[in-house]
Amino acid sequence: MSDLEIRAITALRSVKMPEPTWHGRRAEFLNGLMTLDPHSHLCIDQKADLWFLVWRYRRQIDDYDLVATAESMVTGAMSLAF
């Protein structure tokens, strides 16, 4: 995992998610992967889920780099920081 992915998984720990969705279960799964082996590589669907979750809960995450990365991954748009 890259440092940015580790920061993203760590940020998702403090995010409040609704119970009946898959979001919380997937965030816990990704956190478990990071806990077991932070040097492992996420597969493409795990990366997609990670960045979707960061994008979905972006209002609860205070890290600009994470939110900007998630925004570019999910929407395909690049934003300029002024």
N, C-alpha and C. Protein backbone atom coordinates (compact mmCIF):
# COMPACT_ATOMS: atom_id res chain seq x y z
N MET A 1 0.84 -1.18 0.00
CA MET A 1 0.00 0.00 0.00
C MET A 1 0.88 1.23 0.00
N SER A 2 0.40 2.22 -0.69
CA SER A 2 1.13 3.49 -0.70
C SER A 2 0.83 4.26 0.59
N ASP A 3 1.63 5.27 0.86
CA ASP A 3 1.40 6.09 2.04
C ASP A 3 0.03 6.77 1.97
N LEU A 4 -0.36 7.19 0.77
CA LEU A 4 -1.65 7.84 0.59
C LEU A 4 -2.81 6.88 0.87
N GLU A 5 -2.67 5.63 0.44
CA GLU A 5 -3.70 4.63 0.72
C GLU A 5 -3.79 4.33 2.21
N ILE A 6 -2.66 4.28 2.88
CA ILE A 6 -2.65 4.05 4.33
C ILE A 6 -3.33 5.22 5.04
N ARG A 7 -3.04 6.45 4.61
CA ARG A 7 -3.69 7.62 5.19
C ARG A 7 -5.19 7.59 4.95
N ALA A 8 -5.60 7.14 3.75
CA ALA A 8 -7.02 7.07 3.43
C ALA A 8 -7.74 6.06 4.31
N ILE A 9 -7.16 4.88 4.49
CA ILE A 9 -7.77 3.87 5.34
C ILE A 9 -7.84 4.35 6.78
N THR A 10 -6.79 5.00 7.23
CA THR A 10 -6.77 5.54 8.59
C THR A 10 -7.85 6.61 8.76
N ALA A 11 -8.03 7.46 7.75
CA ALA A 11 -9.05 8.51 7.83
C ALA A 11 -10.46 7.92 7.88
N LEU A 12 -10.67 6.80 7.21
CA LEU A 12 -11.99 6.18 7.20
C LEU A 12 -12.39 5.62 8.57
N ARG A 13 -11.42 5.42 9.44
CA ARG A 13 -11.73 4.90 10.78
C ARG A 13 -12.64 5.85 11.56
N SER A 14 -12.47 7.15 11.35
CA SER A 14 -13.23 8.13 12.12
C SER A 14 -14.50 8.59 11.43
N VAL A 15 -14.78 8.06 10.25
CA VAL A 15 -15.96 8.47 9.49
C VAL A 15 -17.19 7.72 9.99
N LYS A 16 -18.30 8.44 10.13
CA LYS A 16 -19.56 7.82 10.50
C LYS A 16 -20.29 7.40 9.23
N MET A 17 -20.66 6.10 9.17
CA MET A 17 -21.33 5.54 8.00
C MET A 17 -22.65 4.93 8.42
N PRO A 18 -23.66 4.96 7.55
CA PRO A 18 -24.94 4.32 7.90
C PRO A 18 -24.79 2.81 8.01
N GLU A 19 -25.53 2.22 8.91
CA GLU A 19 -25.44 0.78 9.18
C GLU A 19 -25.83 -0.12 8.02
N PRO A 20 -26.95 0.11 7.33
CA PRO A 20 -27.41 -0.90 6.37
C PRO A 20 -26.64 -0.96 5.05
N THR A 21 -25.57 -0.21 4.91
CA THR A 21 -24.82 -0.22 3.65
C THR A 21 -23.57 -1.09 3.78
N TRP A 22 -22.96 -1.36 2.64
CA TRP A 22 -21.72 -2.15 2.59
C TRP A 22 -20.51 -1.29 2.96
N HIS A 23 -20.68 0.00 3.06
CA HIS A 23 -19.56 0.92 3.26
C HIS A 23 -18.76 0.60 4.52
N GLY A 24 -19.45 0.43 5.62
CA GLY A 24 -18.76 0.15 6.89
C GLY A 24 -18.03 -1.18 6.87
N ARG A 25 -18.66 -2.20 6.30
CA ARG A 25 -18.01 -3.51 6.21
C ARG A 25 -16.76 -3.45 5.34
N ARG A 26 -16.84 -2.72 4.23
CA ARG A 26 -15.68 -2.63 3.34
C ARG A 26 -14.55 -1.82 4.00
N ALA A 27 -14.89 -0.75 4.70
CA ALA A 27 -13.88 0.04 5.40
C ALA A 27 -13.19 -0.80 6.46
N GLU A 28 -13.96 -1.61 7.19
CA GLU A 28 -13.37 -2.50 8.20
C GLU A 28 -12.46 -3.54 7.55
N PHE A 29 -12.88 -4.08 6.41
CA PHE A 29 -12.07 -5.06 5.69
C PHE A 29 -10.74 -4.44 5.25
N LEU A 30 -10.79 -3.23 4.68
CA LEU A 30 -9.56 -2.56 4.24
C LEU A 30 -8.66 -2.24 5.43
N ASN A 31 -9.26 -1.85 6.55
CA ASN A 31 -8.49 -1.58 7.76
C ASN A 31 -7.81 -2.86 8.24
N GLY A 32 -8.51 -3.98 8.16
CA GLY A 32 -7.92 -5.26 8.55
C GLY A 32 -6.75 -5.64 7.67
N LEU A 33 -6.88 -5.41 6.36
CA LEU A 33 -5.77 -5.68 5.45
C LEU A 33 -4.55 -4.85 5.81
N MET A 34 -4.79 -3.57 6.09
CA MET A 34 -3.68 -2.68 6.43
C MET A 34 -3.04 -3.11 7.75
N THR A 35 -3.84 -3.52 8.70
CA THR A 35 -3.32 -3.94 10.00
C THR A 35 -2.46 -5.20 9.87
N LEU A 36 -2.92 -6.15 9.06
CA LEU A 36 -2.18 -7.40 8.90
C LEU A 36 -0.87 -7.21 8.14
N ASP A 37 -0.93 -6.45 7.05
CA ASP A 37 0.28 -6.26 6.24
C ASP A 37 0.21 -4.93 5.49
N PRO A 38 0.75 -3.87 6.08
CA PRO A 38 0.69 -2.56 5.44
C PRO A 38 1.53 -2.46 4.16
N HIS A 39 2.35 -3.46 3.89
CA HIS A 39 3.18 -3.43 2.69
C HIS A 39 2.57 -4.23 1.54
N SER A 40 1.39 -4.80 1.77
CA SER A 40 0.74 -5.54 0.69
C SER A 40 0.15 -4.56 -0.33
N HIS A 41 -0.19 -5.07 -1.48
CA HIS A 41 -0.77 -4.25 -2.53
C HIS A 41 -2.27 -4.50 -2.60
N LEU A 42 -3.02 -3.43 -2.75
CA LEU A 42 -4.46 -3.56 -2.92
C LEU A 42 -4.75 -3.94 -4.36
N CYS A 43 -5.72 -4.83 -4.57
CA CYS A 43 -6.11 -5.14 -5.94
C CYS A 43 -7.02 -4.01 -6.45
N ILE A 44 -7.31 -4.02 -7.72
CA ILE A 44 -8.00 -2.91 -8.36
C ILE A 44 -9.38 -2.64 -7.75
N ASP A 45 -10.13 -3.68 -7.40
CA ASP A 45 -11.45 -3.44 -6.82
C ASP A 45 -11.35 -2.89 -5.40
N GLN A 46 -10.31 -3.27 -4.67
CA GLN A 46 -10.10 -2.72 -3.34
C GLN A 46 -9.72 -1.25 -3.42
N LYS A 47 -8.86 -0.90 -4.38
CA LYS A 47 -8.50 0.50 -4.57
C LYS A 47 -9.71 1.32 -4.97
N ALA A 48 -10.52 0.77 -5.87
CA ALA A 48 -11.73 1.48 -6.32
C ALA A 48 -12.67 1.73 -5.14
N ASP A 49 -12.87 0.72 -4.31
CA ASP A 49 -13.74 0.88 -3.15
C ASP A 49 -13.16 1.89 -2.16
N LEU A 50 -11.86 1.83 -1.93
CA LEU A 50 -11.21 2.76 -1.01
C LEU A 50 -11.44 4.21 -1.44
N TRP A 51 -11.15 4.50 -2.70
CA TRP A 51 -11.27 5.88 -3.16
C TRP A 51 -12.72 6.32 -3.30
N PHE A 52 -13.62 5.37 -3.60
CA PHE A 52 -15.04 5.71 -3.60
C PHE A 52 -15.49 6.09 -2.20
N LEU A 53 -15.08 5.33 -1.19
CA LEU A 53 -15.47 5.63 0.19
C LEU A 53 -14.91 6.97 0.66
N VAL A 54 -13.67 7.25 0.30
CA VAL A 54 -13.09 8.55 0.67
C VAL A 54 -13.87 9.67 -0.02
N TRP A 55 -14.22 9.47 -1.29
CA TRP A 55 -14.98 10.48 -2.02
C TRP A 55 -16.38 10.63 -1.42
N ARG A 56 -17.03 9.53 -1.10
CA ARG A 56 -18.40 9.54 -0.57
C ARG A 56 -18.47 10.26 0.77
N TYR A 57 -17.47 10.07 1.60
CA TYR A 57 -17.47 10.65 2.94
C TYR A 57 -16.47 11.80 3.05
N ARG A 58 -16.20 12.45 1.93
CA ARG A 58 -15.19 13.52 1.86
C ARG A 58 -15.47 14.69 2.81
N ARG A 59 -16.71 14.93 3.15
CA ARG A 59 -17.04 16.04 4.04
C ARG A 59 -16.60 15.78 5.48
N GLN A 60 -16.34 14.53 5.80
CA GLN A 60 -15.90 14.17 7.15
C GLN A 60 -14.39 13.99 7.24
N ILE A 61 -13.70 14.15 6.11
CA ILE A 61 -12.25 13.94 6.06
C ILE A 61 -11.55 15.28 5.86
N ASP A 62 -10.62 15.60 6.74
CA ASP A 62 -9.97 16.91 6.73
C ASP A 62 -8.67 16.95 5.93
N ASP A 63 -8.32 15.88 5.26
CA ASP A 63 -7.06 15.80 4.52
C ASP A 63 -7.30 16.17 3.05
N TYR A 64 -6.81 17.35 2.64
CA TYR A 64 -7.05 17.84 1.29
C TYR A 64 -6.51 16.89 0.22
N ASP A 65 -5.31 16.35 0.43
CA ASP A 65 -4.71 15.46 -0.56
C ASP A 65 -5.56 14.21 -0.79
N LEU A 66 -6.11 13.66 0.27
CA LEU A 66 -6.96 12.48 0.13
C LEU A 66 -8.22 12.80 -0.65
N VAL A 67 -8.86 13.89 -0.29
CA VAL A 67 -10.10 14.27 -0.96
C VAL A 67 -9.84 14.61 -2.43
N ALA A 68 -8.76 15.30 -2.72
CA ALA A 68 -8.43 15.65 -4.11
C ALA A 68 -8.13 14.40 -4.93
N THR A 69 -7.41 13.45 -4.36
CA THR A 69 -7.12 12.20 -5.05
C THR A 69 -8.40 11.42 -5.31
N ALA A 70 -9.25 11.34 -4.31
CA ALA A 70 -10.53 10.63 -4.47
C ALA A 70 -11.39 11.31 -5.53
N GLU A 71 -11.42 12.62 -5.52
CA GLU A 71 -12.20 13.36 -6.51
C GLU A 71 -11.72 13.07 -7.93
N SER A 72 -10.40 13.05 -8.12
CA SER A 72 -9.87 12.79 -9.46
C SER A 72 -10.09 11.33 -9.87
N MET A 73 -10.06 10.41 -8.92
CA MET A 73 -10.29 8.99 -9.23
C MET A 73 -11.75 8.72 -9.59
N VAL A 74 -12.66 9.28 -8.81
CA VAL A 74 -14.08 8.98 -8.98
C VAL A 74 -14.67 9.73 -10.16
N THR A 75 -14.37 11.02 -10.28
CA THR A 75 -14.98 11.82 -11.33
C THR A 75 -14.13 11.90 -12.59
N GLY A 76 -12.86 11.57 -12.45
CA GLY A 76 -11.96 11.67 -13.60
C GLY A 76 -11.52 13.10 -13.86
N ALA A 77 -11.86 13.99 -12.98
CA ALA A 77 -11.52 15.40 -13.16
C ALA A 77 -10.33 15.76 -12.29
N MET A 78 -9.47 16.57 -12.82
CA MET A 78 -8.34 17.07 -12.06
C MET A 78 -8.69 18.47 -11.58
N SER A 79 -8.35 18.79 -10.35
CA SER A 79 -8.61 20.13 -9.85
C SER A 79 -7.27 20.82 -9.59
N LEU A 80 -7.29 22.13 -9.75
CA LEU A 80 -6.09 22.92 -9.52
C LEU A 80 -6.19 23.58 -8.16
N ALA A 81 -5.15 23.48 -7.40
CA ALA A 81 -5.11 24.14 -6.09
C ALA A 81 -4.52 25.53 -6.29
N PHE A 82 -5.27 26.55 -5.90
CA PHE A 82 -4.79 27.92 -6.04
C PHE A 82 -4.36 28.45 -4.70
